[in-house]
C-alpha atoms as a PDB file:
ATOM      1  CA  MET A   1      42.819 185.446 -13.083  1.00  0.00           C
ATOM      2  CA  GLN A   2      40.615 184.398 -16.008  1.00  0.00           C
ATOM      3  CA  PRO A   3      36.879 185.053 -15.672  1.00  0.00           C
ATOM      4  CA  PRO A   4      34.661 181.981 -15.767  1.00  0.00           C
ATOM      5  CA  PHE A   5      33.795 180.996 -19.332  1.00  0.00           C
ATOM      6  CA  PHE A   6      30.046 181.293 -18.668  1.00  0.00           C
ATOM      7  CA  LEU A   7      30.486 185.078 -18.436  1.00  0.00           C
ATOM      8  CA  ALA A   8      31.951 185.179 -21.941  1.00  0.00           C
ATOM      9  CA  ARG A   9      29.738 182.510 -23.535  1.00  0.00           C
ATOM     10  CA  ARG A  10      27.500 185.112 -25.182  1.00  0.00           C
ATOM     11  CA  PHE A  11      30.522 186.481 -27.065  1.00  0.00           C
ATOM     12  CA  VAL A  12      32.894 183.505 -27.284  1.00  0.00           C
ATOM     13  CA  ALA A  13      31.877 180.519 -29.386  1.00  0.00           C
ATOM     14  CA  GLY A  14      34.533 178.261 -27.926  1.00  0.00           C
ATOM     15  CA  ALA A  15      37.947 178.030 -26.355  1.00  0.00           C
ATOM     16  CA  THR A  16      39.360 176.302 -29.451  1.00  0.00           C
ATOM     17  CA  LEU A  17      38.577 176.422 -33.136  1.00  0.00           C
ATOM     18  CA  GLU A  18      37.248 172.883 -32.961  1.00  0.00           C
ATOM     19  CA  THR A  19      34.720 173.802 -30.284  1.00  0.00           C
ATOM     20  CA  ALA A  20      33.817 177.087 -31.999  1.00  0.00           C
ATOM     21  CA  LEU A  21      33.253 175.763 -35.543  1.00  0.00           C
ATOM     22  CA  PRO A  22      29.814 174.179 -34.966  1.00  0.00           C
ATOM     23  CA  ILE A  23      28.535 177.425 -33.446  1.00  0.00           C
ATOM     24  CA  VAL A  24      30.176 179.543 -36.160  1.00  0.00           C
ATOM     25  CA  THR A  25      28.645 177.343 -38.852  1.00  0.00           C
ATOM     26  CA  SER A  26      25.200 177.641 -37.266  1.00  0.00           C
ATOM     27  CA  GLU A  27      25.463 181.430 -36.971  1.00  0.00           C
ATOM     28  CA  LEU A  28      26.548 181.719 -40.612  1.00  0.00           C
ATOM     29  CA  ARG A  29      23.693 179.473 -41.709  1.00  0.00           C
ATOM     30  CA  ASP A  30      21.315 181.823 -39.890  1.00  0.00           C
ATOM     31  CA  GLY A  31      22.721 184.725 -41.914  1.00  0.00           C
ATOM     32  CA  LEU A  32      24.672 186.313 -39.072  1.00  0.00           C
ATOM     33  CA  HIS A  33      28.069 187.903 -39.580  1.00  0.00           C
ATOM     34  CA  VAL A  34      30.814 186.211 -37.578  1.00  0.00           C
ATOM     35  CA  ALA A  35      34.212 187.425 -36.389  1.00  0.00           C
ATOM     36  CA  LEU A  36      36.856 185.061 -35.073  1.00  0.00           C
ATOM     37  CA  ASP A  37      39.644 186.230 -32.826  1.00  0.00           C
ATOM     38  CA  LEU A  38      42.690 184.476 -31.438  1.00  0.00           C
ATOM     39  CA  LEU A  39      43.285 185.812 -27.947  1.00  0.00           C
ATOM     40  CA  GLY A  40      46.773 186.906 -26.995  1.00  0.00           C
ATOM     41  CA  GLU A  41      49.031 189.902 -27.476  1.00  0.00           C
ATOM     42  CA  ASP A  42      52.413 191.523 -26.922  1.00  0.00           C
ATOM     43  CA  VAL A  43      54.618 188.927 -28.579  1.00  0.00           C
ATOM     44  CA  GLU A  44      58.251 189.983 -28.187  1.00  0.00           C
ATOM     45  CA  ASP A  45      59.968 187.034 -29.911  1.00  0.00           C
ATOM     46  CA  PRO A  46      60.251 187.138 -33.748  1.00  0.00           C
ATOM     47  CA  GLU A  47      59.845 183.350 -34.014  1.00  0.00           C
ATOM     48  CA  GLN A  48      56.664 183.453 -31.964  1.00  0.00           C
ATOM     49  CA  ALA A  49      55.361 186.340 -34.134  1.00  0.00           C
ATOM     50  CA  ALA A  50      56.018 184.216 -37.238  1.00  0.00           C
ATOM     51  CA  TYR A  51      54.243 181.289 -35.583  1.00  0.00           C
ATOM     52  CA  TYR A  52      51.110 183.332 -34.836  1.00  0.00           C
ATOM     53  CA  THR A  53      51.126 184.700 -38.369  1.00  0.00           C
ATOM     54  CA  GLU A  54      50.983 181.137 -39.679  1.00  0.00           C
ATOM     55  CA  VAL A  55      48.243 180.282 -37.162  1.00  0.00           C
ATOM     56  CA  TYR A  56      46.167 183.144 -38.595  1.00  0.00           C
ATOM     57  CA  VAL A  57      46.921 181.996 -42.157  1.00  0.00           C
ATOM     58  CA  ALA A  58      45.807 178.462 -41.297  1.00  0.00           C
ATOM     59  CA  LEU A  59      42.664 179.838 -39.638  1.00  0.00           C
ATOM     60  CA  ALA A  60      41.700 181.743 -42.787  1.00  0.00           C
ATOM     61  CA  GLU A  61      42.310 178.698 -44.957  1.00  0.00           C
ATOM     62  CA  ARG A  62      40.255 176.521 -42.631  1.00  0.00           C
ATOM     63  CA  ILE A  63      37.225 178.790 -42.346  1.00  0.00           C
ATOM     64  CA  ALA A  64      37.180 180.010 -45.937  1.00  0.00           C
ATOM     65  CA  HIS A  65      35.179 176.990 -47.029  1.00  0.00           C
ATOM     66  CA  LEU A  66      32.483 177.182 -44.377  1.00  0.00           C
ATOM     67  CA  PRO A  67      29.035 177.390 -45.953  1.00  0.00           C
ATOM     68  CA  ARG A  68      27.530 180.865 -45.737  1.00  0.00           C
ATOM     69  CA  PRO A  69      24.666 182.617 -47.456  1.00  0.00           C
ATOM     70  CA  ASP A  70      25.590 185.253 -50.017  1.00  0.00           C
ATOM     71  CA  GLY A  71      26.584 188.484 -48.356  1.00  0.00           C
ATOM     72  CA  THR A  72      27.260 186.900 -44.967  1.00  0.00           C
ATOM     73  CA  GLU A  73      30.690 187.934 -43.798  1.00  0.00           C
ATOM     74  CA  LEU A  74      33.232 185.855 -42.026  1.00  0.00           C
ATOM     75  CA  ASN A  75      35.832 188.054 -40.350  1.00  0.00           C
ATOM     76  CA  ILE A  76      39.037 187.413 -38.521  1.00  0.00           C
ATOM     77  CA  SER A  77      40.139 189.982 -35.974  1.00  0.00           C
ATOM     78  CA  ILE A  78      43.867 190.137 -35.457  1.00  0.00           C
ATOM     79  CA  LYS A  79      46.074 191.729 -32.877  1.00  0.00           C
ATOM     80  CA  LEU A  80      49.127 193.181 -34.555  1.00  0.00           C
ATOM     81  CA  SER A  81      51.138 192.859 -31.342  1.00  0.00           C
ATOM     82  CA  MET A  82      50.915 189.075 -31.848  1.00  0.00           C
ATOM     83  CA  MET A  83      52.538 189.478 -35.252  1.00  0.00           C
ATOM     84  CA  GLY A  84      55.578 191.501 -34.227  1.00  0.00           C
ATOM     85  CA  GLN A  85      54.224 195.031 -33.840  1.00  0.00           C
ATOM     86  CA  VAL A  86      56.116 195.615 -30.588  1.00  0.00           C
ATOM     87  CA  ILE A  87      59.291 194.128 -32.113  1.00  0.00           C
ATOM     88  CA  ASP A  88      59.642 195.903 -35.459  1.00  0.00           C
ATOM     89  CA  HIS A  89      57.270 197.773 -37.794  1.00  0.00           C
ATOM     90  CA  ASP A  90      58.665 196.211 -40.987  1.00  0.00           C
ATOM     91  CA  LEU A  91      58.550 192.695 -39.533  1.00  0.00           C
ATOM     92  CA  CYS A  92      54.937 193.201 -38.525  1.00  0.00           C
ATOM     93  CA  GLU A  93      54.023 194.616 -41.930  1.00  0.00           C
ATOM     94  CA  ARG A  94      55.564 191.579 -43.675  1.00  0.00           C
ATOM     95  CA  HIS A  95      53.558 189.261 -41.404  1.00  0.00           C
ATOM     96  CA  LEU A  96      50.403 191.312 -41.953  1.00  0.00           C
ATOM     97  CA  ARG A  97      50.818 191.196 -45.739  1.00  0.00           C
ATOM     98  CA  ARG A  98      51.282 187.410 -45.567  1.00  0.00           C
ATOM     99  CA  ARG A  99      48.058 187.214 -43.588  1.00  0.00           C
ATOM    100  CA  LEU A 100      46.199 189.541 -45.965  1.00  0.00           C
ATOM    101  CA  ASP A 101      47.392 187.647 -49.049  1.00  0.00           C
ATOM    102  CA  THR A 102      45.641 184.581 -47.637  1.00  0.00           C
ATOM    103  CA  ALA A 103      42.547 186.595 -46.744  1.00  0.00           C
ATOM    104  CA  LYS A 104      42.331 187.966 -50.260  1.00  0.00           C
ATOM    105  CA  GLN A 105      42.816 184.524 -51.768  1.00  0.00           C
ATOM    106  CA  HIS A 106      39.999 183.053 -49.658  1.00  0.00           C
ATOM    107  CA  GLY A 107      37.604 186.004 -49.436  1.00  0.00           C
ATOM    108  CA  VAL A 108      37.963 186.487 -45.684  1.00  0.00           C
ATOM    109  CA  PHE A 109      37.837 189.992 -44.208  1.00  0.00           C
ATOM    110  CA  VAL A 110      40.482 190.926 -41.624  1.00  0.00           C
ATOM    111  CA  ARG A 111      39.846 193.493 -38.927  1.00  0.00           C
ATOM    112  CA  LEU A 112      42.870 194.974 -37.147  1.00  0.00           C
ATOM    113  CA  ASP A 113      42.033 195.093 -33.459  1.00  0.00           C
ATOM    114  CA  MET A 114      43.003 198.200 -31.583  1.00  0.00           C
ATOM    115  CA  GLU A 115      44.987 197.358 -28.510  1.00  0.00           C
ATOM    116  CA  GLY A 116      46.378 199.753 -25.912  1.00  0.00           C
ATOM    117  CA  SER A 117      46.565 203.446 -26.715  1.00  0.00           C
ATOM    118  CA  SER A 118      50.355 203.172 -26.901  1.00  0.00           C
ATOM    119  CA  LEU A 119      49.865 201.122 -30.098  1.00  0.00           C
ATOM    120  CA  THR A 120      47.172 203.284 -31.704  1.00  0.00           C
ATOM    121  CA  GLN A 121      49.423 205.227 -34.066  1.00  0.00           C
ATOM    122  CA  SER A 122      51.451 202.164 -34.992  1.00  0.00           C
ATOM    123  CA  THR A 123      48.253 200.238 -35.769  1.00  0.00           C
ATOM    124  CA  LEU A 124      46.933 203.030 -37.966  1.00  0.00           C
ATOM    125  CA  ASP A 125      50.306 203.376 -39.712  1.00  0.00           C
ATOM    126  CA  LEU A 126      50.348 199.658 -40.486  1.00  0.00           C
ATOM    127  CA  PHE A 127      46.742 199.804 -41.660  1.00  0.00           C
ATOM    128  CA  GLU A 128      47.478 202.677 -44.037  1.00  0.00           C
ATOM    129  CA  ALA A 129      50.587 200.906 -45.329  1.00  0.00           C
ATOM    130  CA  VAL A 130      48.618 197.829 -46.431  1.00  0.00           C
ATOM    131  CA  TYR A 131      45.214 199.323 -47.185  1.00  0.00           C
ATOM    132  CA  PRO A 132      45.900 200.346 -50.817  1.00  0.00           C
ATOM    133  CA  ASP A 133      46.694 196.711 -51.678  1.00  0.00           C
ATOM    134  CA  TYR A 134      43.871 195.064 -49.695  1.00  0.00           C
ATOM    135  CA  ARG A 135      40.982 197.557 -49.689  1.00  0.00           C
ATOM    136  CA  ASP A 136      38.255 194.906 -49.728  1.00  0.00           C
ATOM    137  CA  TYR A 137      39.920 192.679 -47.159  1.00  0.00           C
ATOM    138  CA  VAL A 138      41.078 194.873 -44.285  1.00  0.00           C
ATOM    139  CA  GLY A 139      39.537 197.294 -41.816  1.00  0.00           C
ATOM    140  CA  VAL A 140      40.471 198.719 -38.447  1.00  0.00           C
ATOM    141  CA  VAL A 141      38.945 199.154 -35.010  1.00  0.00           C
ATOM    142  CA  LEU A 142      38.990 202.592 -33.392  1.00  0.00           C
ATOM    143  CA  GLN A 143      38.591 203.237 -29.686  1.00  0.00           C
ATOM    144  CA  ALA A 144      35.646 205.517 -28.968  1.00  0.00           C
ATOM    145  CA  MET A 145      37.029 207.082 -25.826  1.00  0.00           C
ATOM    146  CA  LEU A 146      40.324 208.460 -27.173  1.00  0.00           C
ATOM    147  CA  HIS A 147      40.561 212.194 -27.828  1.00  0.00           C
ATOM    148  CA  ARG A 148      42.026 211.501 -31.269  1.00  0.00           C
ATOM    149  CA  THR A 149      39.239 209.189 -32.465  1.00  0.00           C
ATOM    150  CA  ALA A 150      37.155 211.863 -34.223  1.00  0.00           C
ATOM    151  CA  ARG A 151      40.191 212.660 -36.424  1.00  0.00           C
ATOM    152  CA  ASP A 152      40.805 208.947 -37.005  1.00  0.00           C
ATOM    153  CA  VAL A 153      37.177 208.444 -38.068  1.00  0.00           C
ATOM    154  CA  GLU A 154      37.524 211.355 -40.492  1.00  0.00           C
ATOM    155  CA  ARG A 155      40.652 209.746 -41.915  1.00  0.00           C
ATOM    156  CA  MET A 156      38.896 206.408 -42.391  1.00  0.00           C
ATOM    157  CA  CYS A 157      36.095 208.262 -44.201  1.00  0.00           C
ATOM    158  CA  GLU A 158      38.649 209.982 -46.463  1.00  0.00           C
ATOM    159  CA  LEU A 159      40.118 206.576 -47.304  1.00  0.00           C
ATOM    160  CA  ASN A 160      36.656 205.057 -47.702  1.00  0.00           C
ATOM    161  CA  ALA A 161      37.900 202.383 -45.312  1.00  0.00           C
ATOM    162  CA  ARG A 162      35.828 200.082 -43.176  1.00  0.00           C
ATOM    163  CA  GLY A 163      36.134 200.841 -39.507  1.00  0.00           C
ATOM    164  CA  ARG A 164      34.492 199.689 -36.334  1.00  0.00           C
ATOM    165  CA  ILE A 165      34.288 201.817 -33.222  1.00  0.00           C
ATOM    166  CA  CYS A 166      34.456 200.069 -29.896  1.00  0.00           C
ATOM    167  CA  LYS A 167      33.982 201.173 -26.338  1.00  0.00           C
ATOM    168  CA  GLY A 168      35.547 198.871 -23.833  1.00  0.00           C
ATOM    169  CA  ALA A 169      37.166 195.559 -24.624  1.00  0.00           C
ATOM    170  CA  TYR A 170      35.209 194.871 -27.824  1.00  0.00           C
END
């Protein structure tokens, strides 16, 4: 059962991009950093993974031209399981590179969401595979409560990579 939207309103600008854009634009104008996320995960069909990859590409192209003060970041958070992570590593990496090519072209930063702990290593492997080519356009989320996270933070520091630590859902 979905929680009532009023509980998420503080964190969710809208249920669709069209409803979120006015709020996103206002937040950017106020100098706040904004992250957009398409909710969903665990895609097991390659065609659906390709579809969501193109949805993310279109999102980056659409938001890239929003007015924002210098230094204000506009981020997209992506769930790799929507792009084929649970199907095939190479398929997911191809989709991720397609997504990051668009991000790089439009100056949009992409954060790889961390999903369930069963996908932690796969997420970090995919991140490290693409990071050398997209250093300024990709970062990763690490889960604070995992025993391995201290080592993962050290690794992100070694790479000089941008990471975000979360506790709970976000």
